[in-house]
Protein backbone atom coordinates (compact mmCIF):
# COMPACT_ATOMS: atom_id res chain seq x y z
CA MET A 1 19.10 71.34 22.33
CA LEU A 2 15.49 70.92 23.40
CA ARG A 3 14.73 69.16 26.65
CA ALA A 4 11.69 67.16 27.61
CA ARG A 5 9.45 68.38 30.37
CA ARG A 6 7.42 66.10 32.62
CA LEU A 7 3.78 66.90 33.25
CA ASP A 8 1.86 65.36 36.13
CA LEU A 9 -1.75 64.79 35.07
CA GLY A 10 -3.62 63.17 37.88
CA ALA A 11 -2.60 59.54 38.29
CA GLY A 12 -0.42 59.44 35.18
CA SER A 13 2.51 61.39 33.96
CA TRP A 14 3.51 62.48 30.47
CA GLU A 15 6.59 63.96 28.97
CA LEU A 16 6.64 66.77 26.49
CA GLY A 17 9.59 66.68 24.26
CA ALA A 18 10.96 67.65 20.95
CA ARG A 19 13.18 65.81 18.56
CA ALA A 20 15.81 67.25 16.40
CA GLY A 21 13.93 66.07 13.31
CA GLY A 22 11.35 68.22 11.59
CA ALA A 23 8.75 70.54 12.85
CA GLY A 24 6.17 67.75 12.67
CA ASP A 25 7.85 66.03 15.61
CA MET A 26 7.60 69.08 17.85
CA ASN A 27 5.59 68.98 21.05
CA LYS A 28 4.69 65.28 20.84
CA VAL A 29 3.47 63.58 23.99
CA PHE A 30 5.28 60.38 24.98
CA PRO A 31 4.02 58.00 27.68
CA GLN A 32 6.04 57.49 30.81
CA VAL A 33 7.42 53.91 30.96
CA ASP A 34 8.87 52.01 33.86
CA GLY A 35 12.13 50.05 33.97
CA ASN A 36 10.57 47.03 32.21
CA GLY A 37 9.39 49.03 29.25
CA ASN A 38 5.71 49.00 30.33
CA ALA A 39 3.54 52.10 30.26
CA ALA A 40 2.97 53.61 33.66
CA ALA A 41 -0.44 53.53 35.25
CA GLY A 42 -2.83 56.00 33.69
CA THR A 43 -0.83 56.29 30.48
CA GLU A 44 -1.41 54.84 27.01
CA ALA A 45 1.34 53.28 24.93
CA LEU A 46 1.61 54.19 21.28
CA PRO A 47 0.72 51.31 18.92
CA ALA A 48 3.70 49.31 17.67
CA GLY A 49 2.31 48.78 14.19
CA GLU A 50 -0.48 49.89 11.97
CA ASP A 51 -3.70 50.33 13.86
CA CYS A 52 -6.73 48.16 12.96
CA SER A 53 -10.00 50.00 12.65
CA PRO A 54 -13.12 48.43 14.21
CA LEU A 55 -14.53 47.74 10.75
CA CYS A 56 -11.33 45.93 9.65
CA CYS A 57 -11.20 43.79 12.79
CA SER A 58 -14.87 42.94 12.36
CA HIS A 59 -14.26 41.69 8.79
CA ARG A 60 -11.31 39.56 9.91
CA GLY A 61 -13.32 37.98 12.69
CA ALA A 62 -16.21 37.19 10.37
CA PHE A 63 -13.89 35.58 7.82
CA LEU A 64 -12.20 33.42 10.47
CA SER A 65 -15.56 32.31 11.86
CA ALA A 66 -16.85 31.38 8.40
CA PHE A 67 -13.69 29.37 7.65
CA LEU A 68 -13.97 27.41 10.92
CA LEU A 69 -17.65 26.69 10.29
CA LEU A 70 -16.85 25.41 6.78
CA LEU A 71 -14.09 23.19 8.14
CA LEU A 72 -16.37 21.72 10.79
CA ALA A 73 -19.14 21.13 8.25
CA THR A 74 -16.73 19.30 5.92
CA LEU A 75 -15.46 17.13 8.77
CA ALA A 76 -19.02 16.29 9.84
CA ALA A 77 -19.93 15.34 6.25
CA LEU A 78 -16.94 12.97 6.01
CA ILE A 79 -17.81 11.32 9.31
CA ALA A 80 -21.42 10.85 8.18
CA LEU A 81 -20.26 9.38 4.85
CA VAL A 82 -18.00 6.85 6.57
CA ALA A 83 -20.80 5.95 8.98
CA ILE A 84 -23.17 5.28 6.08
CA LEU A 85 -20.86 3.53 3.63
CA GLY A 86 -18.45 2.03 6.11
CA PRO A 87 -14.65 2.32 6.00
CA PRO A 88 -12.90 1.55 2.70
CA PRO A 89 -12.02 -2.13 2.33
CA ARG A 90 -8.50 -3.09 3.27
CA THR A 91 -6.52 -4.60 0.44
CA PRO A 92 -4.46 -7.46 1.87
CA GLY A 93 -1.17 -8.55 0.42
CA ALA A 94 -0.80 -11.70 -1.67
CA GLN A 95 -1.53 -14.79 0.43
CA ALA A 96 -1.22 -18.49 -0.27
CA CYS A 97 -4.02 -21.01 -0.03
CA VAL A 98 -4.64 -24.68 -0.86
CA THR A 99 -6.92 -25.58 -3.77
CA LEU A 100 -9.44 -28.41 -3.84
CA MET A 101 -6.80 -30.46 -5.67
CA ASN A 102 -4.43 -29.97 -2.73
CA ARG A 103 -2.22 -27.60 -4.72
CA THR A 104 -0.74 -24.22 -3.88
CA GLY A 105 -3.00 -21.35 -4.86
CA PHE A 106 -3.51 -17.59 -4.69
CA LEU A 107 -6.11 -16.34 -2.20
CA CYS A 108 -8.49 -13.73 -3.63
CA HIS A 109 -9.44 -10.66 -1.61
CA ASP A 110 -12.85 -12.11 -0.81
CA ARG A 111 -10.95 -14.56 1.43
CA ARG A 112 -12.93 -17.47 -0.02
CA SER A 113 -11.76 -18.08 -3.58
CA CYS A 114 -8.47 -19.93 -4.11
CA VAL A 115 -7.02 -19.63 -7.61
CA PRO A 116 -4.50 -22.30 -8.72
CA ALA A 117 -1.01 -20.82 -8.92
CA SER A 118 -0.70 -21.52 -12.65
CA ARG A 119 -3.81 -19.43 -13.33
CA VAL A 120 -2.30 -16.27 -11.85
CA CYS A 121 -1.20 -13.72 -14.49
CA ASP A 122 -2.53 -15.89 -17.32
CA GLY A 123 -4.51 -13.06 -18.87
CA VAL A 124 -7.84 -14.23 -17.43
CA ARG A 125 -9.40 -12.52 -14.41
CA THR A 126 -10.31 -15.43 -12.15
CA CYS A 127 -10.82 -13.53 -8.86
CA ALA A 128 -14.06 -11.56 -8.66
CA HIS A 129 -12.18 -8.24 -8.56
CA GLY A 130 -9.35 -9.33 -10.86
CA GLU A 131 -6.58 -9.12 -8.26
CA ASP A 132 -4.94 -12.22 -9.78
CA GLU A 133 -4.21 -10.10 -12.87
CA GLU A 134 -3.18 -6.81 -11.23
CA GLU A 135 -0.39 -4.89 -12.93
CA ALA A 136 1.78 -4.81 -9.81
CA LEU A 137 1.56 -8.61 -9.58
CA CYS A 138 2.09 -9.38 -13.27
CA ARG A 139 4.31 -6.58 -14.59
CA ASP A 140 7.58 -8.59 -14.41
CA VAL A 141 6.85 -12.30 -14.05
CA PRO A 142 8.31 -14.22 -12.26
CA GLN A 143 10.19 -11.51 -10.31
CA SER A 144 6.95 -9.69 -9.44
CA LEU A 145 5.23 -12.87 -8.21
CA PRO A 146 5.27 -13.83 -4.53
CA SER A 147 7.71 -16.65 -3.80
CA PHE A 148 5.00 -19.17 -2.91
CA LEU A 149 3.78 -19.13 -6.53
CA VAL A 150 7.16 -19.91 -8.11
CA GLU A 151 9.37 -23.04 -8.28
CA ARG A 152 12.80 -23.10 -9.89
CA CYS A 153 13.91 -25.88 -12.24
CA GLY A 154 17.27 -27.62 -12.40
CA ASP A 155 18.29 -24.86 -14.77
CA PRO A 156 18.14 -21.71 -12.59
CA ALA A 157 17.02 -19.69 -15.61
CA SER A 158 13.85 -21.80 -15.91
CA TRP A 159 10.86 -21.70 -13.60
CA ILE A 160 7.37 -23.13 -13.24
CA TYR A 161 4.33 -22.32 -11.12
CA SER A 162 4.36 -24.03 -7.74
CA ASP A 163 1.24 -26.10 -8.49
CA GLN A 164 3.04 -27.65 -11.50
CA LYS A 165 5.64 -29.36 -9.32
CA CYS A 166 5.11 -33.06 -8.68
CA ASP A 167 2.08 -33.23 -10.96
CA GLY A 168 3.58 -36.02 -13.08
CA ILE A 169 4.18 -33.72 -16.08
CA ASN A 170 7.62 -32.72 -17.33
CA ASN A 171 7.03 -28.97 -16.99
CA CYS A 172 10.69 -28.01 -16.65
CA GLY A 173 11.74 -29.99 -19.73
CA ASP A 174 14.48 -31.86 -17.83
CA CYS A 175 12.17 -33.60 -15.33
CA SER A 176 13.80 -31.66 -12.48
CA ASP A 177 10.33 -30.74 -11.22
CA GLU A 178 9.45 -34.43 -10.86
CA LEU A 179 12.68 -36.28 -10.02
CA SER A 180 15.15 -36.06 -7.15
CA PRO A 181 17.44 -34.49 -6.06
CA VAL A 182 15.83 -31.21 -7.16
CA SER A 183 12.31 -32.23 -6.19
CA THR A 184 10.94 -34.26 -3.31
CA CYS A 185 8.03 -35.77 -5.17
CA PRO A 186 6.51 -39.14 -4.25
CA LEU A 187 7.45 -42.02 -6.55
CA CYS A 188 4.08 -42.15 -8.25
CA SER A 189 0.73 -40.68 -7.30
CA PRO A 190 -2.39 -42.85 -7.28
CA GLY A 191 -3.63 -43.36 -10.82
CA TRP A 192 -0.09 -43.46 -12.25
CA TRP A 193 2.15 -46.35 -13.34
CA ARG A 194 5.84 -46.26 -12.60
CA CYS A 195 8.14 -47.00 -15.51
CA PRO A 196 10.85 -45.33 -17.63
CA SER A 197 8.71 -43.25 -19.95
CA THR A 198 9.38 -43.00 -23.66
CA VAL A 199 7.18 -39.91 -23.91
CA PHE A 200 8.79 -36.50 -23.32
CA ARG A 201 5.69 -35.27 -21.54
CA TYR A 202 6.21 -37.71 -18.66
CA CYS A 203 9.21 -38.58 -16.53
CA SER A 204 9.18 -41.74 -14.38
CA CYS A 205 5.43 -42.30 -14.25
CA ILE A 206 2.64 -42.40 -16.79
CA PRO A 207 -1.11 -42.13 -16.25
CA ARG A 208 -2.75 -45.53 -15.88
CA SER A 209 -5.22 -44.43 -18.53
CA LEU A 210 -2.42 -45.06 -21.07
CA CYS A 211 -1.94 -48.65 -20.06
CA GLN A 212 -3.05 -51.42 -22.42
CA ASP A 213 -3.94 -48.99 -25.19
CA HIS A 214 -1.68 -50.86 -27.65
CA VAL A 215 0.80 -47.95 -27.72
CA GLN A 216 4.23 -48.13 -26.09
CA HIS A 217 4.68 -45.48 -23.42
CA CYS A 218 7.27 -47.29 -21.28
CA SER A 219 10.65 -48.33 -22.60
CA ASP A 220 10.17 -51.79 -21.05
CA TRP A 221 6.64 -52.21 -22.45
CA SER A 222 5.33 -52.65 -18.94
CA ASP A 223 2.46 -50.32 -19.74
CA GLU A 224 1.12 -52.96 -22.12
CA TYR A 225 2.03 -56.18 -20.33
CA SER A 226 2.19 -55.39 -16.60
CA CYS A 227 0.09 -52.33 -15.91
CA PRO A 228 -3.45 -53.38 -14.89
CA GLY A 229 -4.92 -50.26 -16.44
CA PRO A 230 -7.07 -47.57 -14.84
């Protein structure tokens, strides 16, 4: 069995040894290490992995520098673009508004235009950017509509737009959108005459424009004999 010999070379020390392997392992020089596994002063530790030549390291450094410069240039271009064009507009969620006729409406993204509820998802783009006809809003009416645009009739399977409630018209077909206890509508709006209507379109009021037109619209004929007209 071959034994290692220690050589003192100035400030450092080396060990000459041989392994029981092949002849290629004979007379190799191993650095002296301390108790922590560190090479002693004046000695050089053998590389743990494959050595990197100066040319290889130079190429790696150049590639990393070019990548960082490209990243910084891209970031600077994005910042400049945002500064010039401004941040992208925020798309608000559906919001209610009140129309000029004092009815519930849908507020467009310009924050100025108020579309009547019954004109939302009617196939016509009323808002400047068409948000009243967006697919997400209209894909499954009325389930996809916000609650402020929808009113339920006496029959839970039937519904109307919220601006059609209390408008004097029998939109539900059973007058539940105009008469209590389902609705809380006023008795008759200005410009209407209260009477039991004989016309399916109306419920308990008729427009005064129908009075004294020589056609019966009230079951008691009050539209012809009592109503003063428009």
